[in-house]
Amino acid sequence: MTLPDNARAAIAQLLLLDPDLAGIEVAAGPLPWRTRAVGFPGLLQAIMGQQISNAAAAAIWRRLAAIPGALHPAEFLLLDDEALRGAGLSRPKMAHSRALALAFSDGRLHADALAAMDDESAVAALSAVRGMGRWTAEVYLLFALAREDVFPAGDLALAAAVADLKGLPARPTPVALRQIAAAWAPHRALAARLLWHHWRFRTGRPSMDDPAD
């Protein structure tokens, strides 16, 4: 998808805040605009991306999404271990996905309520569900709700991209990365998108959201 109209102006402001970001699109090409579904499907996709490579996560997500009913909380809860294992879910991913489906089914989570919350309230609400930590919540806010100033500082690819771009001797810790990202406010989500774009270009690794060949 092409960038929203306000994103290009925001990127221009980012480049003034941090000239290190200026060469990313020059080398890697225009920033792609990736979005995800709101509610249960978008959060379920984020769970599939926890602690594995984008390529592996994308393959699992495609298989899971192809199962009838898998993207609806009540129907997901009817799926047995065999069906989920066949899609590639590990035991922890099964447990976390079922906890998420149950939270939507019993009303603890609701897509509209999450969308109405501020960033930190939404992170807290999501983190109260088993397997839904800050990284998962911030990825959802960024890609599904298009929040402009969230930054998943626990993301290893973002840390690697910052180290590469700024010539650091090692990847910054999440605390250090969040401190670095403070300079990019109020457009930290765009900075994250640019950094992921840079890292994909440098490594040749796909995004989880890239279409299958």
C-alpha atoms as a PDB file:
ATOM      1  CA  MET A   1       0.000   0.000   0.000  1.00  0.00           C
ATOM      2  CA  THR A   2       1.119   3.562  -0.627  1.00  0.00           C
ATOM      3  CA  LEU A   3       1.849   5.848   2.297  1.00  0.00           C
ATOM      4  CA  PRO A   4      -1.001   7.884   3.806  1.00  0.00           C
ATOM      5  CA  ASP A   5      -0.846  11.559   2.848  1.00  0.00           C
ATOM      6  CA  ASN A   6       0.333  12.679   6.298  1.00  0.00           C
ATOM      7  CA  ALA A   7       3.090  10.065   6.473  1.00  0.00           C
ATOM      8  CA  ARG A   8       5.321  11.675   3.861  1.00  0.00           C
ATOM      9  CA  ALA A   9       5.253  15.017   5.695  1.00  0.00           C
ATOM     10  CA  ALA A  10       5.960  13.216   8.974  1.00  0.00           C
ATOM     11  CA  ILE A  11       8.950  11.443   7.424  1.00  0.00           C
ATOM     12  CA  ALA A  12      10.316  14.823   6.330  1.00  0.00           C
ATOM     13  CA  GLN A  13      10.088  15.981   9.943  1.00  0.00           C
ATOM     14  CA  LEU A  14      11.821  12.802  11.123  1.00  0.00           C
ATOM     15  CA  LEU A  15      14.741  13.401   8.801  1.00  0.00           C
ATOM     16  CA  LEU A  16      15.190  16.840  10.330  1.00  0.00           C
ATOM     17  CA  LEU A  17      15.165  15.290  13.799  1.00  0.00           C
ATOM     18  CA  ASP A  18      17.667  12.569  12.838  1.00  0.00           C
ATOM     19  CA  PRO A  19      19.673  12.811   9.595  1.00  0.00           C
ATOM     20  CA  ASP A  20      20.813   9.181  10.089  1.00  0.00           C
ATOM     21  CA  LEU A  21      17.381   8.143   8.825  1.00  0.00           C
ATOM     22  CA  ALA A  22      17.739  10.104   5.590  1.00  0.00           C
ATOM     23  CA  GLY A  23      19.553   7.446   3.585  1.00  0.00           C
ATOM     24  CA  ILE A  24      17.121   4.593   4.233  1.00  0.00           C
ATOM     25  CA  GLU A  25      14.697   5.197   1.373  1.00  0.00           C
ATOM     26  CA  VAL A  26      17.537   6.305  -0.895  1.00  0.00           C
ATOM     27  CA  ALA A  27      19.113   2.866  -0.568  1.00  0.00           C
ATOM     28  CA  ALA A  28      16.115   0.618   0.100  1.00  0.00           C
ATOM     29  CA  GLY A  29      13.464   2.332  -2.003  1.00  0.00           C
ATOM     30  CA  PRO A  30      10.123   3.839  -0.978  1.00  0.00           C
ATOM     31  CA  LEU A  31       8.800   2.768   2.393  1.00  0.00           C
ATOM     32  CA  PRO A  32       6.030   0.153   1.987  1.00  0.00           C
ATOM     33  CA  TRP A  33       2.920   0.734   4.091  1.00  0.00           C
ATOM     34  CA  ARG A  34       1.894  -2.430   5.902  1.00  0.00           C
ATOM     35  CA  THR A  35      -1.331  -2.765   7.861  1.00  0.00           C
ATOM     36  CA  ARG A  36      -3.045  -5.553   9.789  1.00  0.00           C
ATOM     37  CA  ALA A  37      -6.613  -6.343  10.746  1.00  0.00           C
ATOM     38  CA  VAL A  38      -8.067  -4.854  13.911  1.00  0.00           C
ATOM     39  CA  GLY A  39      -9.271  -6.990  16.777  1.00  0.00           C
ATOM     40  CA  PHE A  40      -8.671 -10.694  17.245  1.00  0.00           C
ATOM     41  CA  PRO A  41      -7.104 -11.440  13.822  1.00  0.00           C
ATOM     42  CA  GLY A  42      -4.488  -8.693  14.106  1.00  0.00           C
ATOM     43  CA  LEU A  43      -3.498  -9.736  17.609  1.00  0.00           C
ATOM     44  CA  LEU A  44      -3.438 -13.392  16.633  1.00  0.00           C
ATOM     45  CA  GLN A  45      -1.053 -12.523  13.805  1.00  0.00           C
ATOM     46  CA  ALA A  46       1.179 -10.700  16.287  1.00  0.00           C
ATOM     47  CA  ILE A  47       1.330 -13.840  18.456  1.00  0.00           C
ATOM     48  CA  MET A  48       2.484 -15.847  15.448  1.00  0.00           C
ATOM     49  CA  GLY A  49       5.405 -13.423  15.120  1.00  0.00           C
ATOM     50  CA  GLN A  50       6.632 -13.827  18.699  1.00  0.00           C
ATOM     51  CA  GLN A  51      10.256 -14.979  19.009  1.00  0.00           C
ATOM     52  CA  ILE A  52      10.635 -16.591  15.568  1.00  0.00           C
ATOM     53  CA  SER A  53      11.828 -15.380  12.177  1.00  0.00           C
ATOM     54  CA  ASN A  54       9.509 -13.441   9.894  1.00  0.00           C
ATOM     55  CA  ALA A  55       9.663 -16.194   7.288  1.00  0.00           C
ATOM     56  CA  ALA A  56       8.607 -18.872   9.775  1.00  0.00           C
ATOM     57  CA  ALA A  57       5.919 -16.631  11.278  1.00  0.00           C
ATOM     58  CA  ALA A  58       4.499 -15.824   7.849  1.00  0.00           C
ATOM     59  CA  ALA A  59       4.262 -19.511   6.922  1.00  0.00           C
ATOM     60  CA  ILE A  60       2.483 -20.350  10.177  1.00  0.00           C
ATOM     61  CA  TRP A  61       0.136 -17.395   9.788  1.00  0.00           C
ATOM     62  CA  ARG A  62      -0.860 -18.370   6.248  1.00  0.00           C
ATOM     63  CA  ARG A  63      -1.645 -21.938   7.330  1.00  0.00           C
ATOM     64  CA  LEU A  64      -3.560 -20.800  10.394  1.00  0.00           C
ATOM     65  CA  ALA A  65      -5.581 -18.168   8.515  1.00  0.00           C
ATOM     66  CA  ALA A  66      -6.621 -20.813   5.992  1.00  0.00           C
ATOM     67  CA  ILE A  67      -8.352 -22.933   8.663  1.00  0.00           C
ATOM     68  CA  PRO A  68     -12.118 -22.231   8.584  1.00  0.00           C
ATOM     69  CA  GLY A  69     -13.148 -20.174  11.600  1.00  0.00           C
ATOM     70  CA  ALA A  70      -9.620 -19.637  12.895  1.00  0.00           C
ATOM     71  CA  LEU A  71      -9.898 -15.845  12.759  1.00  0.00           C
ATOM     72  CA  HIS A  72     -13.044 -15.746  14.932  1.00  0.00           C
ATOM     73  CA  PRO A  73     -12.529 -16.093  18.703  1.00  0.00           C
ATOM     74  CA  ALA A  74     -15.410 -18.452  19.496  1.00  0.00           C
ATOM     75  CA  GLU A  75     -14.606 -20.724  16.555  1.00  0.00           C
ATOM     76  CA  PHE A  76     -10.887 -20.638  17.306  1.00  0.00           C
ATOM     77  CA  LEU A  77     -11.618 -22.068  20.745  1.00  0.00           C
ATOM     78  CA  LEU A  78     -13.204 -25.104  19.066  1.00  0.00           C
ATOM     79  CA  LEU A  79     -10.005 -25.989  17.210  1.00  0.00           C
ATOM     80  CA  ASP A  80      -8.126 -28.917  18.717  1.00  0.00           C
ATOM     81  CA  ASP A  81      -4.388 -29.275  19.262  1.00  0.00           C
ATOM     82  CA  GLU A  82      -3.988 -31.352  16.134  1.00  0.00           C
ATOM     83  CA  ALA A  83      -5.402 -28.636  13.892  1.00  0.00           C
ATOM     84  CA  LEU A  84      -3.233 -25.945  15.460  1.00  0.00           C
ATOM     85  CA  ARG A  85      -0.150 -28.134  15.476  1.00  0.00           C
ATOM     86  CA  GLY A  86      -0.734 -28.824  11.794  1.00  0.00           C
ATOM     87  CA  ALA A  87      -0.598 -25.091  11.124  1.00  0.00           C
ATOM     88  CA  GLY A  88       2.755 -24.982  12.891  1.00  0.00           C
ATOM     89  CA  LEU A  89       1.825 -23.547  16.294  1.00  0.00           C
ATOM     90  CA  SER A  90       4.074 -24.492  19.175  1.00  0.00           C
ATOM     91  CA  ARG A  91       2.531 -25.365  22.529  1.00  0.00           C
ATOM     92  CA  PRO A  92       3.134 -21.826  23.904  1.00  0.00           C
ATOM     93  CA  LYS A  93       1.562 -20.250  20.796  1.00  0.00           C
ATOM     94  CA  MET A  94      -1.469 -22.519  21.217  1.00  0.00           C
ATOM     95  CA  ALA A  95      -1.837 -21.450  24.847  1.00  0.00           C
ATOM     96  CA  HIS A  96      -1.384 -17.757  24.110  1.00  0.00           C
ATOM     97  CA  SER A  97      -3.776 -17.847  21.149  1.00  0.00           C
ATOM     98  CA  ARG A  98      -6.464 -19.600  23.173  1.00  0.00           C
ATOM     99  CA  ALA A  99      -6.033 -17.097  26.015  1.00  0.00           C
ATOM    100  CA  LEU A 100      -6.517 -14.288  23.498  1.00  0.00           C
ATOM    101  CA  ALA A 101      -9.580 -15.934  21.950  1.00  0.00           C
ATOM    102  CA  LEU A 102     -11.092 -16.453  25.401  1.00  0.00           C
ATOM    103  CA  ALA A 103     -10.481 -12.806  26.333  1.00  0.00           C
ATOM    104  CA  PHE A 104     -12.412 -11.676  23.248  1.00  0.00           C
ATOM    105  CA  SER A 105     -15.133 -14.264  23.757  1.00  0.00           C
ATOM    106  CA  ASP A 106     -15.789 -13.348  27.399  1.00  0.00           C
ATOM    107  CA  GLY A 107     -15.642  -9.596  26.761  1.00  0.00           C
ATOM    108  CA  ARG A 108     -12.405  -8.723  28.535  1.00  0.00           C
ATOM    109  CA  LEU A 109     -11.084  -7.482  25.185  1.00  0.00           C
ATOM    110  CA  HIS A 110     -13.045  -5.718  22.489  1.00  0.00           C
ATOM    111  CA  ALA A 111     -11.668  -4.195  19.306  1.00  0.00           C
ATOM    112  CA  ASP A 112     -13.605  -0.934  19.650  1.00  0.00           C
ATOM    113  CA  ALA A 113     -12.667  -0.527  23.301  1.00  0.00           C
ATOM    114  CA  LEU A 114      -8.976  -1.034  22.517  1.00  0.00           C
ATOM    115  CA  ALA A 115      -9.175   1.508  19.701  1.00  0.00           C
ATOM    116  CA  ALA A 116     -10.675   4.067  22.083  1.00  0.00           C
ATOM    117  CA  MET A 117      -7.883   3.692  24.658  1.00  0.00           C
ATOM    118  CA  ASP A 118      -4.698   5.708  24.763  1.00  0.00           C
ATOM    119  CA  ASP A 119      -1.504   3.798  23.970  1.00  0.00           C
ATOM    120  CA  GLU A 120      -0.484   2.904  27.512  1.00  0.00           C
ATOM    121  CA  SER A 121      -3.996   1.880  28.545  1.00  0.00           C
ATOM    122  CA  ALA A 122      -4.236  -0.400  25.519  1.00  0.00           C
ATOM    123  CA  VAL A 123      -0.824  -1.915  26.284  1.00  0.00           C
ATOM    124  CA  ALA A 124      -1.939  -2.563  29.874  1.00  0.00           C
ATOM    125  CA  ALA A 125      -5.236  -4.145  28.791  1.00  0.00           C
ATOM    126  CA  LEU A 126      -3.508  -6.437  26.318  1.00  0.00           C
ATOM    127  CA  SER A 127      -0.657  -7.319  28.674  1.00  0.00           C
ATOM    128  CA  ALA A 128      -3.209  -8.607  31.197  1.00  0.00           C
ATOM    129  CA  VAL A 129      -3.864 -11.543  28.832  1.00  0.00           C
ATOM    130  CA  ARG A 130      -1.508 -14.518  28.991  1.00  0.00           C
ATOM    131  CA  GLY A 131       1.207 -14.275  26.331  1.00  0.00           C
ATOM    132  CA  MET A 132       0.397 -10.688  25.365  1.00  0.00           C
ATOM    133  CA  GLY A 133       3.365  -8.587  26.443  1.00  0.00           C
ATOM    134  CA  ARG A 134       4.389  -5.061  25.554  1.00  0.00           C
ATOM    135  CA  TRP A 135       6.039  -6.024  22.241  1.00  0.00           C
ATOM    136  CA  THR A 136       2.904  -7.783  20.991  1.00  0.00           C
ATOM    137  CA  ALA A 137       0.681  -4.926  22.120  1.00  0.00           C
ATOM    138  CA  GLU A 138       2.859  -2.255  20.513  1.00  0.00           C
ATOM    139  CA  VAL A 139       3.097  -4.160  17.236  1.00  0.00           C
ATOM    140  CA  TYR A 140      -0.714  -4.319  17.197  1.00  0.00           C
ATOM    141  CA  LEU A 141      -1.067  -0.611  17.969  1.00  0.00           C
ATOM    142  CA  LEU A 142       1.387   0.244  15.218  1.00  0.00           C
ATOM    143  CA  PHE A 143       0.128  -1.977  12.385  1.00  0.00           C
ATOM    144  CA  ALA A 144      -3.576  -2.436  13.164  1.00  0.00           C
ATOM    145  CA  LEU A 145      -4.514   0.840  14.867  1.00  0.00           C
ATOM    146  CA  ALA A 146      -1.991   3.053  13.031  1.00  0.00           C
ATOM    147  CA  ARG A 147      -0.860   4.743  16.236  1.00  0.00           C
ATOM    148  CA  GLU A 148       1.765   7.327  15.361  1.00  0.00           C
ATOM    149  CA  ASP A 149       4.058   7.379  18.379  1.00  0.00           C
ATOM    150  CA  VAL A 150       4.490   3.779  19.582  1.00  0.00           C
ATOM    151  CA  PHE A 151       7.875   2.100  19.318  1.00  0.00           C
ATOM    152  CA  PRO A 152       8.376  -1.633  20.056  1.00  0.00           C
ATOM    153  CA  ALA A 153      11.731  -1.243  21.767  1.00  0.00           C
ATOM    154  CA  GLY A 154      11.905  -4.950  22.548  1.00  0.00           C
ATOM    155  CA  ASP A 155      12.133  -5.810  18.841  1.00  0.00           C
ATOM    156  CA  LEU A 156      15.496  -7.362  17.955  1.00  0.00           C
ATOM    157  CA  ALA A 157      15.362  -6.233  14.325  1.00  0.00           C
ATOM    158  CA  LEU A 158      14.840  -2.622  15.383  1.00  0.00           C
ATOM    159  CA  ALA A 159      17.803  -2.866  17.752  1.00  0.00           C
ATOM    160  CA  ALA A 160      19.957  -4.375  15.011  1.00  0.00           C
ATOM    161  CA  ALA A 161      18.869  -1.718  12.529  1.00  0.00           C
ATOM    162  CA  VAL A 162      19.748   1.119  14.908  1.00  0.00           C
ATOM    163  CA  ALA A 163      23.156  -0.423  15.666  1.00  0.00           C
ATOM    164  CA  ASP A 164      23.864  -0.783  11.942  1.00  0.00           C
ATOM    165  CA  LEU A 165      22.599   2.653  10.986  1.00  0.00           C
ATOM    166  CA  LYS A 166      24.381   4.502  13.749  1.00  0.00           C
ATOM    167  CA  GLY A 167      27.566   2.418  13.847  1.00  0.00           C
ATOM    168  CA  LEU A 168      27.083   1.225  17.415  1.00  0.00           C
ATOM    169  CA  PRO A 169      29.391  -1.519  18.715  1.00  0.00           C
ATOM    170  CA  ALA A 170      26.432  -3.690  19.813  1.00  0.00           C
ATOM    171  CA  ARG A 171      22.662  -3.781  19.633  1.00  0.00           C
ATOM    172  CA  PRO A 172      21.149  -1.412  22.198  1.00  0.00           C
ATOM    173  CA  THR A 173      19.112  -2.910  25.010  1.00  0.00           C
ATOM    174  CA  PRO A 174      15.359  -2.242  25.012  1.00  0.00           C
ATOM    175  CA  VAL A 175      15.865   0.478  27.619  1.00  0.00           C
ATOM    176  CA  ALA A 176      18.635   2.137  25.612  1.00  0.00           C
ATOM    177  CA  LEU A 177      16.662   1.762  22.378  1.00  0.00           C
ATOM    178  CA  ARG A 178      13.624   3.425  23.910  1.00  0.00           C
ATOM    179  CA  GLN A 179      15.863   6.309  25.005  1.00  0.00           C
ATOM    180  CA  ILE A 180      17.237   6.653  21.462  1.00  0.00           C
ATOM    181  CA  ALA A 181      13.710   6.547  20.047  1.00  0.00           C
ATOM    182  CA  ALA A 182      12.595   9.402  22.296  1.00  0.00           C
ATOM    183  CA  ALA A 183      14.296  11.775  19.845  1.00  0.00           C
ATOM    184  CA  TRP A 184      11.854  10.657  17.123  1.00  0.00           C
ATOM    185  CA  ALA A 185       8.673  11.620  18.973  1.00  0.00           C
ATOM    186  CA  PRO A 186       5.912  12.241  17.982  1.00  0.00           C
ATOM    187  CA  HIS A 187       6.612  10.014  14.945  1.00  0.00           C
ATOM    188  CA  ARG A 188       8.241   6.991  16.576  1.00  0.00           C
ATOM    189  CA  ALA A 189       6.010   4.508  14.750  1.00  0.00           C
ATOM    190  CA  LEU A 190       7.196   5.889  11.411  1.00  0.00           C
ATOM    191  CA  ALA A 191      10.785   5.670  12.599  1.00  0.00           C
ATOM    192  CA  ALA A 192      10.188   2.015  13.444  1.00  0.00           C
ATOM    193  CA  ARG A 193       8.772   1.379   9.975  1.00  0.00           C
ATOM    194  CA  LEU A 194      11.812   3.014   8.397  1.00  0.00           C
ATOM    195  CA  LEU A 195      14.192   0.989  10.552  1.00  0.00           C
ATOM    196  CA  TRP A 196      12.474  -2.297   9.700  1.00  0.00           C
ATOM    197  CA  HIS A 197      12.669  -1.276   6.036  1.00  0.00           C
ATOM    198  CA  HIS A 198      16.387  -0.602   6.436  1.00  0.00           C
ATOM    199  CA  TRP A 199      17.006  -3.951   8.121  1.00  0.00           C
ATOM    200  CA  ARG A 200      15.076  -5.914   5.493  1.00  0.00           C
ATOM    201  CA  PHE A 201      17.165  -4.208   2.832  1.00  0.00           C
ATOM    202  CA  ARG A 202      20.446  -4.898   4.634  1.00  0.00           C
ATOM    203  CA  THR A 203      19.664  -8.550   5.376  1.00  0.00           C
ATOM    204  CA  GLY A 204      17.370  -9.559   2.515  1.00  0.00           C
ATOM    205  CA  ARG A 205      14.912 -10.961   5.041  1.00  0.00           C
ATOM    206  CA  PRO A 206      11.210 -10.683   4.217  1.00  0.00           C
ATOM    207  CA  SER A 207       8.502  -9.044   6.248  1.00  0.00           C
ATOM    208  CA  MET A 208       5.925 -11.272   7.899  1.00  0.00           C
ATOM    209  CA  ASP A 209       3.358  -9.364   5.864  1.00  0.00           C
ATOM    210  CA  ASP A 210       4.942  -9.963   2.465  1.00  0.00           C
ATOM    211  CA  PRO A 211       2.796 -12.070   0.107  1.00  0.00           C
ATOM    212  CA  ALA A 212       3.812 -15.663  -0.496  1.00  0.00           C
ATOM    213  CA  ASP A 213       5.763 -16.410  -3.666  1.00  0.00           C
END
